[in-house]
Amino acid sequence: MVACAWLSTVAIAQPMVHDPVMAYEDSTYHIFATGMGIQHLTSYDRKNWTALPNPVMSVIPKWTMDSVPGFRLHVWAPDIIKYRGKWWLAYSCSTFGKNGSTIGLLSNRSLSFPVWEDEGCIVTSQEKRDNWNAIDPNFVIDDNDQPWLVWGSFWDGIQLARLDTTMHIAKGEKPRTIARRYDPSFKNPEPNPTSKYAGTNAIEAPFVFKHDGWYYLFVSWDYCCRGAKSNYRVAVGRSKTVAGPYLDREGKNMLLGGGTLFLEGDKKSFEAAGHCAVYHMDGQDIFICHGYSILHEGASILIQRPVKWTADGWPQINL
């Protein structure tokens, strides 16, 4: 994944970000995104954003570099949630196209406080041991106040595991696959143009959003990080439980390659778009992601759109 840092003290309407997630506290909106030490932006209106000059992680924990050969400062795809009075921020440490990766954890009592507590590792994947990749985390809290983590990129697709109240993998819990780009029996997937290691199961960046009794699993299909050559897009399925199965609008299981196309590039403003998050804020449901801007020659730009719901309960937006 490519970092796009726009470190300016001038507020801008469409900041350059990659893999954005959002939080709100004390009249301030916060975006956290891929970057050196995690990029951090703030806004009072979600219209004008200021990129803070200092990253979230001014010091990268040594254990991350020990766990992931080749990883140094470029931290990917964070997620953030408030749970039981504390902010929890998960982040990804990896190298492009390989699945020797780890998802780390930070905590904080307030987003206005600049120092985060290192809470260690949530989950690690190892090359030749695991057929999944420990990046792109997303926290989910179910109706019983039970935390879960969904994550994954390529290999065997999107993974899910139950957490304990410290936001680490619960004792005895093992990752389970809940979504793939293709049915495992499919013989002719699109060749991977970005990595000889990751294969062709081009699905990543899961995000689960609860609406009207359903859990909606948003995923990104195909290939990011290629500027104007990217063909990233977002698909969705839903389930009555966090654990799935997640079915698309036609009833196909996402575990077998199902997924209803939700968003793709319009070829006017954006060549492609993906790695999304969905929130209920300001009295409405809000979709955010990064899009590869045609005007900015393929740079990744923040996209925000209101979500509308069909009569039969499926999300829709206009790019």
C-alpha atoms as a PDB file:
ATOM      1  CA  MET A   1       0.000   0.000   0.000  1.00  0.00           C
ATOM      2  CA  VAL A   2       1.234   3.467  -0.840  1.00  0.00           C
ATOM      3  CA  ALA A   3       1.393   6.229   1.767  1.00  0.00           C
ATOM      4  CA  CYS A   4      -0.031   9.565   0.717  1.00  0.00           C
ATOM      5  CA  ALA A   5       0.952  12.156   3.305  1.00  0.00           C
ATOM      6  CA  TRP A   6      -0.182  15.746   2.882  1.00  0.00           C
ATOM      7  CA  LEU A   7       1.377  17.365   5.900  1.00  0.00           C
ATOM      8  CA  SER A   8      -0.071  20.855   5.817  1.00  0.00           C
ATOM      9  CA  THR A   9      -1.463  23.134   8.494  1.00  0.00           C
ATOM     10  CA  VAL A  10      -3.875  24.549   5.892  1.00  0.00           C
ATOM     11  CA  ALA A  11      -7.342  22.982   5.945  1.00  0.00           C
ATOM     12  CA  ILE A  12      -8.231  21.254   2.677  1.00  0.00           C
ATOM     13  CA  ALA A  13     -11.467  19.718   1.440  1.00  0.00           C
ATOM     14  CA  GLN A  14     -10.110  16.589  -0.279  1.00  0.00           C
ATOM     15  CA  PRO A  15      -6.940  15.471   1.503  1.00  0.00           C
ATOM     16  CA  MET A  16      -4.733  12.793   0.033  1.00  0.00           C
ATOM     17  CA  VAL A  17      -5.204   9.720   2.226  1.00  0.00           C
ATOM     18  CA  HIS A  18      -4.976   5.956   1.916  1.00  0.00           C
ATOM     19  CA  ASP A  19      -7.112   3.483   3.905  1.00  0.00           C
ATOM     20  CA  PRO A  20      -8.973   6.117   5.986  1.00  0.00           C
ATOM     21  CA  VAL A  21     -11.007   5.466   9.128  1.00  0.00           C
ATOM     22  CA  MET A  22     -12.868   8.045  11.198  1.00  0.00           C
ATOM     23  CA  ALA A  23     -13.704   8.849  14.826  1.00  0.00           C
ATOM     24  CA  TYR A  24     -15.500  11.686  16.610  1.00  0.00           C
ATOM     25  CA  GLU A  25     -14.808  13.201  20.015  1.00  0.00           C
ATOM     26  CA  ASP A  26     -15.422  16.606  21.638  1.00  0.00           C
ATOM     27  CA  SER A  27     -16.740  18.348  18.499  1.00  0.00           C
ATOM     28  CA  THR A  28     -13.776  17.144  16.437  1.00  0.00           C
ATOM     29  CA  TYR A  29     -13.673  14.561  13.662  1.00  0.00           C
ATOM     30  CA  HIS A  30     -10.493  12.532  13.298  1.00  0.00           C
ATOM     31  CA  ILE A  31      -9.187  10.560  10.339  1.00  0.00           C
ATOM     32  CA  PHE A  32      -6.447   7.987  10.749  1.00  0.00           C
ATOM     33  CA  ALA A  33      -4.811   6.569   7.632  1.00  0.00           C
ATOM     34  CA  THR A  34      -1.832   4.718   6.196  1.00  0.00           C
ATOM     35  CA  GLY A  35       1.403   6.665   6.492  1.00  0.00           C
ATOM     36  CA  MET A  36       4.707   6.996   8.298  1.00  0.00           C
ATOM     37  CA  GLY A  37       3.666   6.244  11.876  1.00  0.00           C
ATOM     38  CA  ILE A  38      -0.041   6.581  10.900  1.00  0.00           C
ATOM     39  CA  GLN A  39      -1.338   9.766   9.327  1.00  0.00           C
ATOM     40  CA  HIS A  40      -3.747  11.838  11.481  1.00  0.00           C
ATOM     41  CA  LEU A  41      -6.129  14.547  10.259  1.00  0.00           C
ATOM     42  CA  THR A  42      -8.748  16.581  12.118  1.00  0.00           C
ATOM     43  CA  SER A  43     -11.822  18.610  11.170  1.00  0.00           C
ATOM     44  CA  TYR A  44     -14.680  20.439  12.880  1.00  0.00           C
ATOM     45  CA  ASP A  45     -17.135  20.011  10.004  1.00  0.00           C
ATOM     46  CA  ARG A  46     -15.993  17.006   7.883  1.00  0.00           C
ATOM     47  CA  LYS A  47     -15.523  19.480   5.044  1.00  0.00           C
ATOM     48  CA  ASN A  48     -12.122  20.988   5.751  1.00  0.00           C
ATOM     49  CA  TRP A  49      -9.333  18.780   7.045  1.00  0.00           C
ATOM     50  CA  THR A  50      -5.974  19.611   8.587  1.00  0.00           C
ATOM     51  CA  ALA A  51      -3.188  17.045   8.522  1.00  0.00           C
ATOM     52  CA  LEU A  52      -1.336  17.081  11.822  1.00  0.00           C
ATOM     53  CA  PRO A  53       2.441  17.425  11.487  1.00  0.00           C
ATOM     54  CA  ASN A  54       3.222  14.609  13.941  1.00  0.00           C
ATOM     55  CA  PRO A  55       2.233  10.988  13.299  1.00  0.00           C
ATOM     56  CA  VAL A  56       0.252   8.932  15.797  1.00  0.00           C
ATOM     57  CA  MET A  57       3.266   6.675  16.391  1.00  0.00           C
ATOM     58  CA  SER A  58       6.247   8.927  17.016  1.00  0.00           C
ATOM     59  CA  VAL A  59       8.100   5.776  18.082  1.00  0.00           C
ATOM     60  CA  ILE A  60       7.501   2.459  16.318  1.00  0.00           C
ATOM     61  CA  PRO A  61       7.635  -0.421  18.830  1.00  0.00           C
ATOM     62  CA  LYS A  62      10.704  -2.585  18.301  1.00  0.00           C
ATOM     63  CA  TRP A  63       8.635  -5.781  18.544  1.00  0.00           C
ATOM     64  CA  THR A  64       6.920  -4.921  15.250  1.00  0.00           C
ATOM     65  CA  MET A  65      10.227  -4.856  13.373  1.00  0.00           C
ATOM     66  CA  ASP A  66      11.344  -8.056  15.076  1.00  0.00           C
ATOM     67  CA  SER A  67       8.077  -9.736  14.030  1.00  0.00           C
ATOM     68  CA  VAL A  68       8.026  -8.531  10.416  1.00  0.00           C
ATOM     69  CA  PRO A  69      11.306  -8.630   8.457  1.00  0.00           C
ATOM     70  CA  GLY A  70      11.626  -5.519   6.326  1.00  0.00           C
ATOM     71  CA  PHE A  71       9.037  -3.452   8.202  1.00  0.00           C
ATOM     72  CA  ARG A  72      10.216  -0.100   9.528  1.00  0.00           C
ATOM     73  CA  LEU A  73       8.063   3.061   9.661  1.00  0.00           C
ATOM     74  CA  HIS A  74       5.358   2.762   7.009  1.00  0.00           C
ATOM     75  CA  VAL A  75       2.257   1.732   8.979  1.00  0.00           C
ATOM     76  CA  TRP A  76      -0.789   0.544   7.045  1.00  0.00           C
ATOM     77  CA  ALA A  77      -4.541   0.469   7.326  1.00  0.00           C
ATOM     78  CA  PRO A  78      -5.478   1.408  10.904  1.00  0.00           C
ATOM     79  CA  ASP A  79      -8.878   0.984  12.520  1.00  0.00           C
ATOM     80  CA  ILE A  80     -10.266   2.761  15.563  1.00  0.00           C
ATOM     81  CA  ILE A  81     -13.135   2.162  17.969  1.00  0.00           C
ATOM     82  CA  LYS A  82     -14.257   3.323  21.408  1.00  0.00           C
ATOM     83  CA  TYR A  83     -15.018   0.385  23.696  1.00  0.00           C
ATOM     84  CA  ARG A  84     -15.724   0.498  27.423  1.00  0.00           C
ATOM     85  CA  GLY A  85     -14.502   4.063  27.830  1.00  0.00           C
ATOM     86  CA  LYS A  86     -11.225   3.696  25.949  1.00  0.00           C
ATOM     87  CA  TRP A  87     -10.095   4.291  22.374  1.00  0.00           C
ATOM     88  CA  TRP A  88      -8.470   1.316  20.681  1.00  0.00           C
ATOM     89  CA  LEU A  89      -6.442   1.678  17.498  1.00  0.00           C
ATOM     90  CA  ALA A  90      -5.296  -1.362  15.511  1.00  0.00           C
ATOM     91  CA  TYR A  91      -2.642  -1.049  12.816  1.00  0.00           C
ATOM     92  CA  SER A  92      -0.900  -3.192  10.206  1.00  0.00           C
ATOM     93  CA  CYS A  93       2.808  -3.919   9.838  1.00  0.00           C
ATOM     94  CA  SER A  94       3.833  -5.690   6.648  1.00  0.00           C
ATOM     95  CA  THR A  95       5.766  -5.524   3.402  1.00  0.00           C
ATOM     96  CA  PHE A  96       4.028  -5.341   0.040  1.00  0.00           C
ATOM     97  CA  GLY A  97       2.791  -8.621  -1.385  1.00  0.00           C
ATOM     98  CA  LYS A  98       3.943 -10.880   1.478  1.00  0.00           C
ATOM     99  CA  ASN A  99       1.978 -12.375   4.345  1.00  0.00           C
ATOM    100  CA  GLY A 100       4.578 -12.167   7.072  1.00  0.00           C
ATOM    101  CA  SER A 101       2.590  -9.497   8.908  1.00  0.00           C
ATOM    102  CA  THR A 102       1.297  -8.379  12.283  1.00  0.00           C
ATOM    103  CA  ILE A 103      -1.620  -6.338  13.593  1.00  0.00           C
ATOM    104  CA  GLY A 104      -0.625  -4.182  16.549  1.00  0.00           C
ATOM    105  CA  LEU A 105      -2.745  -2.380  19.124  1.00  0.00           C
ATOM    106  CA  LEU A 106      -2.660   1.052  20.771  1.00  0.00           C
ATOM    107  CA  SER A 107      -4.947   2.534  23.421  1.00  0.00           C
ATOM    108  CA  ASN A 108      -5.794   6.017  24.623  1.00  0.00           C
ATOM    109  CA  ARG A 109      -8.313   7.699  26.911  1.00  0.00           C
ATOM    110  CA  SER A 110      -8.742  10.697  24.606  1.00  0.00           C
ATOM    111  CA  LEU A 111      -8.030  11.427  20.957  1.00  0.00           C
ATOM    112  CA  SER A 112      -6.738  14.854  21.974  1.00  0.00           C
ATOM    113  CA  PHE A 113      -3.909  13.278  23.968  1.00  0.00           C
ATOM    114  CA  PRO A 114      -0.869  12.765  21.714  1.00  0.00           C
ATOM    115  CA  VAL A 115       0.675   9.761  23.471  1.00  0.00           C
ATOM    116  CA  TRP A 116      -0.813   6.308  22.824  1.00  0.00           C
ATOM    117  CA  GLU A 117      -0.139   3.237  24.936  1.00  0.00           C
ATOM    118  CA  ASP A 118       1.466   0.257  23.190  1.00  0.00           C
ATOM    119  CA  GLU A 119      -0.787  -2.755  23.828  1.00  0.00           C
ATOM    120  CA  GLY A 120       1.355  -5.194  21.851  1.00  0.00           C
ATOM    121  CA  CYS A 121       0.247  -7.623  19.155  1.00  0.00           C
ATOM    122  CA  ILE A 122      -3.302  -8.764  18.375  1.00  0.00           C
ATOM    123  CA  VAL A 123      -2.461 -11.337  15.715  1.00  0.00           C
ATOM    124  CA  THR A 124       0.513 -12.309  13.527  1.00  0.00           C
ATOM    125  CA  SER A 125       0.728 -14.255  10.276  1.00  0.00           C
ATOM    126  CA  GLN A 126       3.849 -16.034   9.115  1.00  0.00           C
ATOM    127  CA  GLU A 127       4.895 -16.956   5.604  1.00  0.00           C
ATOM    128  CA  LYS A 128       4.730 -20.722   4.919  1.00  0.00           C
ATOM    129  CA  ARG A 129       2.781 -21.227   8.180  1.00  0.00           C
ATOM    130  CA  ASP A 130      -0.464 -19.305   7.598  1.00  0.00           C
ATOM    131  CA  ASN A 131      -2.637 -19.078   4.501  1.00  0.00           C
ATOM    132  CA  TRP A 132      -3.946 -15.644   5.486  1.00  0.00           C
ATOM    133  CA  ASN A 133      -2.475 -12.185   5.966  1.00  0.00           C
ATOM    134  CA  ALA A 134      -2.633 -10.205   9.234  1.00  0.00           C
ATOM    135  CA  ILE A 135      -3.367  -6.740   7.834  1.00  0.00           C
ATOM    136  CA  ASP A 136      -6.423  -4.483   7.358  1.00  0.00           C
ATOM    137  CA  PRO A 137      -8.028  -4.890  10.812  1.00  0.00           C
ATOM    138  CA  ASN A 138     -11.579  -3.824  11.686  1.00  0.00           C
ATOM    139  CA  PHE A 139     -13.154  -3.977  15.142  1.00  0.00           C
ATOM    140  CA  VAL A 140     -16.774  -5.101  15.524  1.00  0.00           C
ATOM    141  CA  ILE A 141     -18.851  -5.007  18.729  1.00  0.00           C
ATOM    142  CA  ASP A 142     -21.901  -7.266  18.593  1.00  0.00           C
ATOM    143  CA  ASP A 143     -25.258  -6.857  20.356  1.00  0.00           C
ATOM    144  CA  ASN A 144     -23.913  -8.668  23.421  1.00  0.00           C
ATOM    145  CA  ASP A 145     -21.025  -6.189  23.823  1.00  0.00           C
ATOM    146  CA  GLN A 146     -18.670  -8.881  22.540  1.00  0.00           C
ATOM    147  CA  PRO A 147     -15.701  -7.545  20.518  1.00  0.00           C
ATOM    148  CA  TRP A 148     -14.521  -9.239  17.317  1.00  0.00           C
ATOM    149  CA  LEU A 149     -11.769  -8.565  14.807  1.00  0.00           C
ATOM    150  CA  VAL A 150     -12.164  -8.999  11.071  1.00  0.00           C
ATOM    151  CA  TRP A 151      -9.091  -8.675   8.859  1.00  0.00           C
ATOM    152  CA  GLY A 152      -7.289 -10.029   5.826  1.00  0.00           C
ATOM    153  CA  SER A 153      -5.882  -9.507   2.374  1.00  0.00           C
ATOM    154  CA  PHE A 154      -5.446 -12.057  -0.459  1.00  0.00           C
ATOM    155  CA  TRP A 155      -4.290 -15.627   0.393  1.00  0.00           C
ATOM    156  CA  ASP A 156      -7.411 -17.338   1.814  1.00  0.00           C
ATOM    157  CA  GLY A 157      -9.278 -14.053   2.110  1.00  0.00           C
ATOM    158  CA  ILE A 158     -11.085 -12.324   4.968  1.00  0.00           C
ATOM    159  CA  GLN A 159     -10.611 -13.688   8.500  1.00  0.00           C
ATOM    160  CA  LEU A 160     -12.642 -13.342  11.697  1.00  0.00           C
ATOM    161  CA  ALA A 161     -11.881 -14.040  15.364  1.00  0.00           C
ATOM    162  CA  ARG A 162     -13.497 -13.278  18.692  1.00  0.00           C
ATOM    163  CA  LEU A 163     -11.598 -10.933  21.023  1.00  0.00           C
ATOM    164  CA  ASP A 164     -11.437 -10.669  24.793  1.00  0.00           C
ATOM    165  CA  THR A 165     -12.118  -7.401  26.637  1.00  0.00           C
ATOM    166  CA  THR A 166      -8.455  -6.363  26.246  1.00  0.00           C
ATOM    167  CA  MET A 167      -9.016  -6.452  22.467  1.00  0.00           C
ATOM    168  CA  HIS A 168      -6.713  -9.409  21.926  1.00  0.00           C
ATOM    169  CA  ILE A 169      -7.656 -12.762  20.394  1.00  0.00           C
ATOM    170  CA  ALA A 170      -9.756 -14.689  22.912  1.00  0.00           C
ATOM    171  CA  LYS A 171      -8.251 -17.806  24.465  1.00  0.00           C
ATOM    172  CA  GLY A 172      -8.723 -20.851  22.252  1.00  0.00           C
ATOM    173  CA  GLU A 173     -10.031 -18.776  19.328  1.00  0.00           C
ATOM    174  CA  LYS A 174      -8.706 -19.508  15.843  1.00  0.00           C
ATOM    175  CA  PRO A 175      -9.182 -17.394  12.694  1.00  0.00           C
ATOM    176  CA  ARG A 176     -11.929 -18.501  10.325  1.00  0.00           C
ATOM    177  CA  THR A 177     -12.392 -17.446   6.696  1.00  0.00           C
ATOM    178  CA  ILE A 178     -15.648 -15.595   5.978  1.00  0.00           C
ATOM    179  CA  ALA A 179     -15.134 -14.168   2.458  1.00  0.00           C
ATOM    180  CA  ARG A 180     -13.122 -14.852  -0.691  1.00  0.00           C
ATOM    181  CA  ARG A 181     -12.845 -13.097  -4.046  1.00  0.00           C
ATOM    182  CA  TYR A 182     -13.466 -16.312  -5.953  1.00  0.00           C
ATOM    183  CA  ASP A 183     -14.984 -19.697  -5.240  1.00  0.00           C
ATOM    184  CA  PRO A 184     -12.021 -22.023  -4.491  1.00  0.00           C
ATOM    185  CA  SER A 185     -13.065 -24.153  -7.474  1.00  0.00           C
ATOM    186  CA  PHE A 186     -12.843 -21.211  -9.916  1.00  0.00           C
ATOM    187  CA  LYS A 187     -10.043 -21.969 -12.396  1.00  0.00           C
ATOM    188  CA  ASN A 188      -9.382 -18.730 -14.290  1.00  0.00           C
ATOM    189  CA  PRO A 189      -9.102 -15.705 -11.996  1.00  0.00           C
ATOM    190  CA  GLU A 190      -7.476 -12.511 -13.222  1.00  0.00           C
ATOM    191  CA  PRO A 191      -3.666 -12.743 -12.939  1.00  0.00           C
ATOM    192  CA  ASN A 192      -2.191 -10.711 -10.079  1.00  0.00           C
ATOM    193  CA  PRO A 193      -0.354  -7.719 -11.596  1.00  0.00           C
ATOM    194  CA  THR A 194       1.122  -6.562  -8.257  1.00  0.00           C
ATOM    195  CA  SER A 195       2.707  -9.553  -6.524  1.00  0.00           C
ATOM    196  CA  LYS A 196       4.045 -12.991  -7.369  1.00  0.00           C
ATOM    197  CA  TYR A 197       3.483 -14.051  -3.750  1.00  0.00           C
ATOM    198  CA  ALA A 198      -0.086 -13.033  -2.940  1.00  0.00           C
ATOM    199  CA  GLY A 199      -1.941 -15.030  -5.582  1.00  0.00           C
ATOM    200  CA  THR A 200      -5.265 -14.127  -7.164  1.00  0.00           C
ATOM    201  CA  ASN A 201      -7.703 -14.085  -4.224  1.00  0.00           C
ATOM    202  CA  ALA A 202      -7.992 -10.317  -4.638  1.00  0.00           C
ATOM    203  CA  ILE A 203     -10.099  -9.408  -1.608  1.00  0.00           C
ATOM    204  CA  GLU A 204      -9.104  -7.283   1.386  1.00  0.00           C
ATOM    205  CA  ALA A 205      -9.965  -4.334   3.646  1.00  0.00           C
ATOM    206  CA  PRO A 206     -13.056  -5.708   5.437  1.00  0.00           C
ATOM    207  CA  PHE A 207     -15.392  -3.427   7.371  1.00  0.00           C
ATOM    208  CA  VAL A 208     -18.518  -4.580   9.228  1.00  0.00           C
ATOM    209  CA  PHE A 209     -21.401  -2.138   9.843  1.00  0.00           C
ATOM    210  CA  LYS A 210     -24.555  -2.907  11.814  1.00  0.00           C
ATOM    211  CA  HIS A 211     -27.855  -1.639  10.381  1.00  0.00           C
ATOM    212  CA  ASP A 212     -31.448  -2.599  11.132  1.00  0.00           C
ATOM    213  CA  GLY A 213     -30.657  -6.023  12.552  1.00  0.00           C
ATOM    214  CA  TRP A 214     -28.079  -6.973   9.906  1.00  0.00           C
ATOM    215  CA  TYR A 215     -24.275  -7.009   9.888  1.00  0.00           C
ATOM    216  CA  TYR A 216     -23.030  -5.740   6.520  1.00  0.00           C
ATOM    217  CA  LEU A 217     -19.573  -6.897   5.426  1.00  0.00           C
ATOM    218  CA  PHE A 218     -17.931  -4.443   3.022  1.00  0.00           C
ATOM    219  CA  VAL A 219     -14.788  -5.670   1.243  1.00  0.00           C
ATOM    220  CA  SER A 220     -12.482  -4.337  -1.453  1.00  0.00           C
ATOM    221  CA  TRP A 221     -12.026  -6.410  -4.584  1.00  0.00           C
ATOM    222  CA  ASP A 222      -9.149  -6.449  -7.052  1.00  0.00           C
ATOM    223  CA  TYR A 223      -6.076  -4.199  -7.070  1.00  0.00           C
ATOM    224  CA  CYS A 224      -5.158  -1.012  -5.250  1.00  0.00           C
ATOM    225  CA  CYS A 225      -1.928   0.973  -5.121  1.00  0.00           C
ATOM    226  CA  ARG A 226      -1.394   1.298  -8.884  1.00  0.00           C
ATOM    227  CA  GLY A 227      -2.503   4.921  -9.247  1.00  0.00           C
ATOM    228  CA  ALA A 228      -4.569   5.403 -12.405  1.00  0.00           C
ATOM    229  CA  LYS A 229      -4.099   1.697 -13.233  1.00  0.00           C
ATOM    230  CA  SER A 230      -5.926   0.618 -10.059  1.00  0.00           C
ATOM    231  CA  ASN A 231      -9.203  -1.297 -10.446  1.00  0.00           C
ATOM    232  CA  TYR A 232     -10.139  -1.357  -6.753  1.00  0.00           C
ATOM    233  CA  ARG A 233     -13.874  -1.564  -5.977  1.00  0.00           C
ATOM    234  CA  VAL A 234     -16.154  -2.335  -3.051  1.00  0.00           C
ATOM    235  CA  ALA A 235     -18.577  -5.252  -2.648  1.00  0.00           C
ATOM    236  CA  VAL A 236     -20.968  -6.075   0.197  1.00  0.00           C
ATOM    237  CA  GLY A 237     -22.884  -8.940   1.784  1.00  0.00           C
ATOM    238  CA  ARG A 238     -24.867  -9.274   4.991  1.00  0.00           C
ATOM    239  CA  SER A 239     -25.548 -11.656   7.862  1.00  0.00           C
ATOM    240  CA  LYS A 240     -27.746 -11.790  10.960  1.00  0.00           C
ATOM    241  CA  THR A 241     -24.651 -12.642  13.044  1.00  0.00           C
ATOM    242  CA  VAL A 242     -21.089 -11.343  13.079  1.00  0.00           C
ATOM    243  CA  ALA A 243     -19.801 -14.864  12.435  1.00  0.00           C
ATOM    244  CA  GLY A 244     -21.763 -15.144   9.177  1.00  0.00           C
ATOM    245  CA  PRO A 245     -22.501 -16.581   6.727  1.00  0.00           C
ATOM    246  CA  TYR A 246     -22.464 -13.332   4.724  1.00  0.00           C
ATOM    247  CA  LEU A 247     -24.688 -13.553   1.655  1.00  0.00           C
ATOM    248  CA  ASP A 248     -24.948 -11.136  -1.247  1.00  0.00           C
ATOM    249  CA  ARG A 249     -28.177  -9.771  -2.704  1.00  0.00           C
ATOM    250  CA  GLU A 250     -28.586 -12.886  -4.847  1.00  0.00           C
ATOM    251  CA  GLY A 251     -28.086 -15.180  -1.851  1.00  0.00           C
ATOM    252  CA  LYS A 252     -24.536 -16.298  -2.708  1.00  0.00           C
ATOM    253  CA  ASN A 253     -22.190 -16.883   0.194  1.00  0.00           C
ATOM    254  CA  MET A 254     -19.199 -14.514   0.241  1.00  0.00           C
ATOM    255  CA  LEU A 255     -17.120 -17.475   1.430  1.00  0.00           C
ATOM    256  CA  LEU A 256     -17.649 -18.921  -2.059  1.00  0.00           C
ATOM    257  CA  GLY A 257     -16.945 -15.714  -3.980  1.00  0.00           C
ATOM    258  CA  GLY A 258     -20.258 -13.937  -3.444  1.00  0.00           C
ATOM    259  CA  GLY A 259     -20.619 -10.200  -3.028  1.00  0.00           C
ATOM    260  CA  THR A 260     -22.858  -7.482  -4.441  1.00  0.00           C
ATOM    261  CA  LEU A 261     -20.949  -4.693  -6.186  1.00  0.00           C
ATOM    262  CA  PHE A 262     -21.404  -1.510  -4.149  1.00  0.00           C
ATOM    263  CA  LEU A 263     -18.923   1.012  -5.567  1.00  0.00           C
ATOM    264  CA  GLU A 264     -16.447   1.275  -8.425  1.00  0.00           C
ATOM    265  CA  GLY A 265     -14.705   4.109 -10.236  1.00  0.00           C
ATOM    266  CA  ASP A 266     -16.941   6.314 -12.376  1.00  0.00           C
ATOM    267  CA  LYS A 267     -14.066   6.965 -14.857  1.00  0.00           C
ATOM    268  CA  LYS A 268     -14.880  10.687 -14.628  1.00  0.00           C
ATOM    269  CA  SER A 269     -13.608  11.755 -11.207  1.00  0.00           C
ATOM    270  CA  PHE A 270     -12.176   8.460  -9.954  1.00  0.00           C
ATOM    271  CA  GLU A 271     -10.532   5.616 -11.799  1.00  0.00           C
ATOM    272  CA  ALA A 272     -11.141   3.269  -8.860  1.00  0.00           C
ATOM    273  CA  ALA A 273     -12.069   3.414  -5.169  1.00  0.00           C
ATOM    274  CA  GLY A 274     -11.880   1.183  -2.129  1.00  0.00           C
ATOM    275  CA  HIS A 275     -10.696   0.380   1.396  1.00  0.00           C
ATOM    276  CA  CYS A 276     -13.818   1.778   3.018  1.00  0.00           C
ATOM    277  CA  ALA A 277     -15.414   2.424   6.386  1.00  0.00           C
ATOM    278  CA  VAL A 278     -19.048   3.147   7.293  1.00  0.00           C
ATOM    279  CA  TYR A 279     -20.340   5.129  10.293  1.00  0.00           C
ATOM    280  CA  HIS A 280     -23.510   6.589  11.734  1.00  0.00           C
ATOM    281  CA  MET A 281     -22.644  10.255  12.334  1.00  0.00           C
ATOM    282  CA  ASP A 282     -24.556  13.524  12.286  1.00  0.00           C
ATOM    283  CA  GLY A 283     -27.866  11.713  12.058  1.00  0.00           C
ATOM    284  CA  GLN A 284     -26.977   9.787   8.921  1.00  0.00           C
ATOM    285  CA  ASP A 285     -24.953   6.827   7.689  1.00  0.00           C
ATOM    286  CA  ILE A 286     -21.667   7.895   6.110  1.00  0.00           C
ATOM    287  CA  PHE A 287     -19.409   5.957   3.750  1.00  0.00           C
ATOM    288  CA  ILE A 288     -15.734   6.908   3.427  1.00  0.00           C
ATOM    289  CA  CYS A 289     -12.901   5.453   1.354  1.00  0.00           C
ATOM    290  CA  HIS A 290     -10.015   6.532  -0.820  1.00  0.00           C
ATOM    291  CA  GLY A 291     -10.423   7.006  -4.549  1.00  0.00           C
ATOM    292  CA  TYR A 292      -7.780   7.181  -7.257  1.00  0.00           C
ATOM    293  CA  SER A 293      -8.371  10.656  -8.640  1.00  0.00           C
ATOM    294  CA  ILE A 294      -8.255  11.210 -12.386  1.00  0.00           C
ATOM    295  CA  LEU A 295      -7.731  14.955 -11.877  1.00  0.00           C
ATOM    296  CA  HIS A 296      -4.773  14.281  -9.577  1.00  0.00           C
ATOM    297  CA  GLU A 297      -3.184  11.697 -11.895  1.00  0.00           C
ATOM    298  CA  GLY A 298      -4.102   8.681  -9.797  1.00  0.00           C
ATOM    299  CA  ALA A 299      -3.387  10.089  -6.322  1.00  0.00           C
ATOM    300  CA  SER A 300      -5.612   8.664  -3.571  1.00  0.00           C
ATOM    301  CA  ILE A 301      -8.160  11.215  -2.346  1.00  0.00           C
ATOM    302  CA  LEU A 302     -10.643  11.074   0.533  1.00  0.00           C
ATOM    303  CA  ILE A 303     -14.219  10.259  -0.546  1.00  0.00           C
ATOM    304  CA  GLN A 304     -17.212  10.832   1.749  1.00  0.00           C
ATOM    305  CA  ARG A 305     -20.785  10.013   0.728  1.00  0.00           C
ATOM    306  CA  PRO A 306     -24.129   9.523   2.526  1.00  0.00           C
ATOM    307  CA  VAL A 307     -25.488   5.982   2.465  1.00  0.00           C
ATOM    308  CA  LYS A 308     -29.071   5.353   1.376  1.00  0.00           C
ATOM    309  CA  TRP A 309     -30.920   2.095   1.986  1.00  0.00           C
ATOM    310  CA  THR A 310     -33.197   0.268  -0.420  1.00  0.00           C
ATOM    311  CA  ALA A 311     -36.614  -1.008   0.625  1.00  0.00           C
ATOM    312  CA  ASP A 312     -35.169  -4.519   0.979  1.00  0.00           C
ATOM    313  CA  GLY A 313     -32.281  -3.314   3.122  1.00  0.00           C
ATOM    314  CA  TRP A 314     -29.264  -2.897   0.856  1.00  0.00           C
ATOM    315  CA  PRO A 315     -26.899   0.094   0.966  1.00  0.00           C
ATOM    316  CA  GLN A 316     -26.436   2.449  -1.985  1.00  0.00           C
ATOM    317  CA  ILE A 317     -24.366   5.573  -2.681  1.00  0.00           C
ATOM    318  CA  ASN A 318     -23.674   7.873  -5.600  1.00  0.00           C
ATOM    319  CA  LEU A 319     -20.003   8.446  -6.391  1.00  0.00           C
END
